[in-house]
Amino acid sequence: MLDFSESTCQPASVANLERLPEINRRLADAVYDALRELILARDVQPGDRLDMDLLAAKMKVSRTPVKDALARLASEGLVQVIPRGGTFVRRLTTRDLAETFDVRGALEGLAAERVAVSAGPSELEALEKLLHSLEHDALDPEEHWKRNALFHRRLVELAGNLRLVAIYDLQAHLQIARVHRRSADWRGRARQEALEHRAILQALQNRDPVAARVAVMSHIDRAKKSLLSDFEQLDGDGGSATSACASDMKQPNRLLKEGLS
């Protein structure tokens, strides 16, 4: 057995570490954010092939941050990697959305129970301020979606469970956003949404975990039905992801248009 009790080992010299790559986390995150926004805004369409070299050239970066970003997007269900076939914007199905809402309901319902019991007065006041900003009539669809997402994520954060937040962040909002940001009747639904948000906040302020969970689940169930209805009326998001991607491989690459220029 080796004895390191009186080890004379020295730290590795700078020269020995020269082969370690310098990680520019800000650049990697910027590439990821740009590609994710491109997909959510539908500047690239479901089924479009994402060419790594073209993406890197458009953003004037190396292939490495692009490759890393695509891997993150694949883990979130926004792109699909076909072995020896390429990477594609993933097509959504009604099942994708329905299952995402179910997962989101379970996570937010659990969070609401915890928040009703443990959140401090100042935290609930901050949550109420978020609601005020969300209810502003002058909001456009994009800003409304962002503030709505912020409200729901903050609710999950207040539960104080890091694993819950990590699972929620994985894809709870991203798939839904692809449809939500295209809904024509968003303003009419925002009024109903505001009433539901207020019911959630009231249950939290009353320190009633059961009522908080019920209010969240009711809100998400209504949103699920609304967005599934929207989804069925939209063109281009249905069908099998794998078969769609296989079909697109036979077509000219329609990547990006002017999305990253």
Protein backbone atom coordinates (compact mmCIF):
# COMPACT_ATOMS: atom_id res chain seq x y z
CA MET A 1 0.00 0.00 0.00
CA LEU A 2 1.30 3.45 -0.89
CA ASP A 3 1.88 5.84 1.98
CA PHE A 4 1.16 9.49 1.22
CA SER A 5 1.40 10.66 4.83
CA GLU A 6 4.70 12.41 4.13
CA SER A 7 4.19 12.96 0.43
CA THR A 8 6.53 15.35 -1.32
CA CYS A 9 4.25 15.60 -4.35
CA GLN A 10 4.20 19.09 -5.81
CA PRO A 11 1.30 20.84 -7.54
CA ALA A 12 1.32 20.42 -11.31
CA SER A 13 3.30 23.17 -12.95
CA VAL A 14 1.69 25.65 -15.30
CA ALA A 15 3.66 24.08 -18.15
CA ASN A 16 2.07 20.70 -17.46
CA LEU A 17 -1.41 22.20 -17.67
CA GLU A 18 -0.98 23.96 -20.99
CA ARG A 19 -3.08 21.38 -22.84
CA LEU A 20 -6.17 22.15 -20.76
CA PRO A 21 -8.63 24.16 -22.86
CA GLU A 22 -9.69 27.60 -21.70
CA ILE A 23 -13.42 27.46 -21.12
CA ASN A 24 -15.30 30.61 -22.04
CA ARG A 25 -18.56 29.92 -20.20
CA ARG A 26 -20.03 33.23 -21.26
CA LEU A 27 -19.49 32.34 -24.93
CA ALA A 28 -20.91 28.84 -24.50
CA ASP A 29 -24.01 30.19 -22.80
CA ALA A 30 -24.42 32.90 -25.43
CA VAL A 31 -24.38 30.33 -28.24
CA TYR A 32 -26.87 28.16 -26.37
CA ASP A 33 -29.17 31.12 -25.69
CA ALA A 34 -29.05 32.23 -29.33
CA LEU A 35 -29.90 28.79 -30.70
CA ARG A 36 -32.64 28.19 -28.15
CA GLU A 37 -34.26 31.53 -28.98
CA LEU A 38 -34.00 30.74 -32.69
CA ILE A 39 -36.05 27.58 -32.10
CA LEU A 40 -38.58 29.08 -29.69
CA ALA A 41 -39.20 32.03 -32.03
CA ARG A 42 -39.56 29.58 -34.93
CA ASP A 43 -36.91 31.31 -37.03
CA VAL A 44 -36.01 27.70 -37.75
CA GLN A 45 -38.91 25.33 -38.26
CA PRO A 46 -39.63 21.88 -36.82
CA GLY A 47 -37.75 19.39 -38.99
CA ASP A 48 -35.06 21.87 -40.12
CA ARG A 49 -31.59 20.41 -40.15
CA LEU A 50 -29.03 22.25 -37.99
CA ASP A 51 -25.63 22.18 -39.64
CA MET A 52 -22.90 22.64 -37.05
CA ASP A 53 -20.39 24.18 -39.46
CA LEU A 54 -22.92 26.68 -40.79
CA LEU A 55 -24.01 27.64 -37.29
CA ALA A 56 -20.40 28.15 -36.21
CA ALA A 57 -19.66 30.24 -39.30
CA LYS A 58 -22.77 32.40 -38.83
CA MET A 59 -21.91 33.15 -35.20
CA LYS A 60 -18.15 33.38 -35.86
CA VAL A 61 -17.28 30.80 -33.22
CA SER A 62 -15.60 27.40 -33.25
CA ARG A 63 -17.55 24.16 -33.48
CA THR A 64 -17.04 23.37 -29.78
CA PRO A 65 -19.57 25.82 -28.22
CA VAL A 66 -22.05 24.96 -30.98
CA LYS A 67 -21.67 21.25 -30.31
CA ASP A 68 -22.13 21.82 -26.58
CA ALA A 69 -25.19 24.00 -27.16
CA LEU A 70 -26.82 21.41 -29.41
CA ALA A 71 -26.21 18.73 -26.79
CA ARG A 72 -27.97 20.89 -24.18
CA LEU A 73 -30.86 21.55 -26.54
CA ALA A 74 -31.17 17.82 -27.21
CA SER A 75 -31.38 17.14 -23.46
CA GLU A 76 -34.23 19.67 -23.31
CA GLY A 77 -36.09 18.04 -26.17
CA LEU A 78 -35.76 20.98 -28.55
CA VAL A 79 -33.51 19.23 -31.06
CA GLN A 80 -33.08 15.61 -32.04
CA VAL A 81 -29.81 13.95 -32.99
CA ILE A 82 -30.10 11.20 -35.59
CA PRO A 83 -26.98 8.97 -35.57
CA ARG A 84 -25.09 9.43 -38.84
CA GLY A 85 -28.00 11.59 -39.99
CA GLY A 86 -27.58 14.98 -38.39
CA THR A 87 -29.23 17.25 -35.86
CA PHE A 88 -32.76 18.55 -36.39
CA VAL A 89 -35.23 20.90 -34.77
CA ARG A 90 -37.50 18.44 -33.03
CA ARG A 91 -41.11 18.20 -34.12
CA LEU A 92 -43.63 18.36 -31.32
CA THR A 93 -46.59 16.05 -30.95
CA THR A 94 -49.73 16.41 -28.85
CA ARG A 95 -48.30 13.72 -26.59
CA ASP A 96 -45.13 15.78 -26.03
CA LEU A 97 -47.16 18.76 -24.88
CA ALA A 98 -49.63 16.77 -22.79
CA GLU A 99 -46.84 14.94 -20.96
CA THR A 100 -44.91 18.17 -20.42
CA PHE A 101 -47.96 19.79 -18.82
CA ASP A 102 -48.45 16.74 -16.60
CA VAL A 103 -44.84 16.91 -15.39
CA ARG A 104 -45.06 20.66 -14.90
CA GLY A 105 -48.27 20.29 -12.89
CA ALA A 106 -46.70 17.72 -10.58
CA LEU A 107 -43.57 19.83 -10.01
CA GLU A 108 -45.35 23.14 -9.48
CA GLY A 109 -48.00 21.53 -7.32
CA LEU A 110 -45.31 20.16 -5.02
CA ALA A 111 -43.55 23.52 -5.02
CA ALA A 112 -46.75 25.36 -4.09
CA GLU A 113 -47.30 23.08 -1.11
CA ARG A 114 -43.79 23.80 0.17
CA VAL A 115 -44.02 27.55 -0.46
CA ALA A 116 -47.34 27.83 1.40
CA VAL A 117 -45.64 26.43 4.48
CA SER A 118 -42.14 27.91 4.33
CA ALA A 119 -42.07 31.17 2.32
CA GLY A 120 -41.45 34.37 4.23
CA PRO A 121 -43.66 37.48 3.96
CA SER A 122 -41.09 39.33 1.87
CA GLU A 123 -40.89 36.45 -0.59
CA LEU A 124 -44.64 36.40 -1.05
CA GLU A 125 -44.63 40.17 -1.49
CA ALA A 126 -42.03 39.82 -4.24
CA LEU A 127 -44.18 37.16 -5.90
CA GLU A 128 -47.15 39.53 -5.81
CA LYS A 129 -45.07 42.26 -7.46
CA LEU A 130 -44.29 39.81 -10.25
CA LEU A 131 -48.02 39.28 -10.73
CA HIS A 132 -48.60 43.03 -10.94
CA SER A 133 -46.02 43.32 -13.71
CA LEU A 134 -47.57 40.36 -15.53
CA GLU A 135 -51.03 41.92 -15.49
CA HIS A 136 -49.93 45.08 -17.29
CA ASP A 137 -52.19 45.69 -20.32
CA ALA A 138 -49.39 47.18 -22.43
CA LEU A 139 -47.40 43.91 -22.55
CA ASP A 140 -46.78 42.35 -25.95
CA PRO A 141 -47.03 38.54 -26.35
CA GLU A 142 -43.29 38.03 -26.02
CA GLU A 143 -42.92 40.04 -22.81
CA HIS A 144 -46.05 38.48 -21.36
CA TRP A 145 -44.66 35.00 -21.95
CA LYS A 146 -41.32 35.89 -20.36
CA ARG A 147 -42.92 37.36 -17.23
CA ASN A 148 -45.33 34.45 -16.95
CA ALA A 149 -42.43 32.01 -17.14
CA LEU A 150 -40.57 34.06 -14.51
CA PHE A 151 -43.55 33.91 -12.13
CA HIS A 152 -43.83 30.13 -12.40
CA ARG A 153 -40.10 29.56 -12.06
CA ARG A 154 -39.94 31.83 -9.03
CA LEU A 155 -42.71 29.78 -7.43
CA VAL A 156 -40.58 26.66 -7.92
CA GLU A 157 -37.45 28.40 -6.60
CA LEU A 158 -39.21 29.45 -3.41
CA ALA A 159 -39.76 25.80 -2.53
CA GLY A 160 -36.05 25.72 -1.63
CA ASN A 161 -35.38 22.37 -3.34
CA LEU A 162 -32.46 22.57 -5.77
CA ARG A 163 -33.23 19.23 -7.39
CA LEU A 164 -36.81 20.31 -8.00
CA VAL A 165 -35.57 23.46 -9.74
CA ALA A 166 -33.09 21.48 -11.84
CA ILE A 167 -35.75 19.06 -13.07
CA TYR A 168 -38.17 21.90 -13.73
CA ASP A 169 -35.60 23.81 -15.75
CA LEU A 170 -34.82 20.82 -17.91
CA GLN A 171 -37.85 21.28 -20.15
CA ALA A 172 -40.98 22.18 -18.22
CA HIS A 173 -41.45 25.47 -20.09
CA LEU A 174 -39.52 25.10 -23.31
CA GLN A 175 -41.86 22.78 -25.19
CA ILE A 176 -44.89 24.75 -24.07
CA ALA A 177 -43.28 28.03 -25.13
CA ARG A 178 -43.06 26.87 -28.73
CA VAL A 179 -46.87 26.92 -28.91
CA HIS A 180 -47.65 29.60 -26.33
CA ARG A 181 -45.69 32.23 -28.23
CA ARG A 182 -47.83 31.62 -31.34
CA SER A 183 -51.29 31.70 -29.74
CA ALA A 184 -53.59 34.26 -31.36
CA ASP A 185 -55.98 34.66 -28.42
CA TRP A 186 -53.29 35.18 -25.81
CA ARG A 187 -54.72 38.45 -24.45
CA GLY A 188 -58.16 36.97 -23.76
CA ARG A 189 -56.57 34.02 -22.03
CA ALA A 190 -54.30 36.32 -20.05
CA ARG A 191 -57.35 37.66 -18.22
CA GLN A 192 -58.33 34.14 -17.13
CA GLU A 193 -54.71 33.42 -16.32
CA ALA A 194 -54.58 36.47 -14.03
CA LEU A 195 -57.55 35.19 -12.01
CA GLU A 196 -55.88 31.81 -11.65
CA HIS A 197 -52.58 33.36 -10.59
CA ARG A 198 -54.38 35.40 -7.96
CA ALA A 199 -56.02 32.24 -6.61
CA ILE A 200 -52.58 30.64 -6.29
CA LEU A 201 -51.18 33.67 -4.49
CA GLN A 202 -54.18 33.85 -2.14
CA ALA A 203 -53.71 30.21 -1.12
CA LEU A 204 -50.02 30.86 -0.46
CA GLN A 205 -50.81 33.94 1.64
CA ASN A 206 -53.40 31.92 3.57
CA ARG A 207 -50.68 29.32 4.32
CA ASP A 208 -52.94 26.61 2.90
CA PRO A 209 -50.76 23.99 1.12
CA VAL A 210 -53.71 21.91 -0.10
CA ALA A 211 -55.48 24.91 -1.61
CA ALA A 212 -52.20 26.09 -3.16
CA ARG A 213 -51.65 22.76 -4.85
CA VAL A 214 -55.24 22.60 -6.10
CA ALA A 215 -55.03 26.16 -7.48
CA VAL A 216 -51.81 25.37 -9.34
CA MET A 217 -53.12 22.10 -10.76
CA SER A 218 -56.36 23.75 -11.89
CA HIS A 219 -54.44 26.56 -13.57
CA ILE A 220 -52.11 24.20 -15.40
CA ASP A 221 -54.93 21.88 -16.46
CA ARG A 222 -56.79 24.82 -18.04
CA ALA A 223 -53.60 25.98 -19.76
CA LYS A 224 -53.00 22.44 -21.02
CA LYS A 225 -56.41 22.26 -22.68
CA SER A 226 -56.02 25.71 -24.23
CA LEU A 227 -52.60 25.12 -25.70
CA LEU A 228 -53.44 21.64 -26.96
CA SER A 229 -56.35 23.23 -28.80
CA ASP A 230 -53.99 25.84 -30.27
CA PHE A 231 -51.49 23.16 -31.20
CA GLU A 232 -54.01 21.17 -33.20
CA GLN A 233 -54.72 24.25 -35.30
CA LEU A 234 -51.09 25.02 -36.08
CA ASP A 235 -49.34 23.72 -39.15
CA GLY A 236 -46.00 21.96 -39.13
CA ASP A 237 -45.64 20.73 -35.57
CA GLY A 238 -47.38 17.38 -35.72
CA GLY A 239 -46.21 13.92 -36.63
CA SER A 240 -43.38 11.65 -35.71
CA ALA A 241 -40.08 13.36 -34.96
CA THR A 242 -37.97 10.54 -36.31
CA SER A 243 -39.84 10.06 -39.56
CA ALA A 244 -40.00 13.82 -40.09
CA CYS A 245 -36.27 14.17 -39.65
CA ALA A 246 -35.59 11.29 -42.00
CA SER A 247 -37.74 12.97 -44.61
CA ASP A 248 -36.00 16.32 -44.15
CA MET A 249 -32.60 14.76 -44.75
CA LYS A 250 -33.66 14.31 -48.36
CA GLN A 251 -34.50 17.99 -48.74
CA PRO A 252 -32.15 20.96 -49.23
CA ASN A 253 -30.88 22.40 -45.99
CA ARG A 254 -33.21 25.29 -45.03
CA LEU A 255 -31.14 26.21 -41.99
CA LEU A 256 -31.35 29.63 -40.43
CA LYS A 257 -32.48 31.75 -43.36
CA GLU A 258 -31.46 35.11 -41.84
CA GLY A 259 -31.82 34.00 -38.24
CA LEU A 260 -28.25 34.51 -37.08
CA SER A 261 -27.05 37.12 -39.54
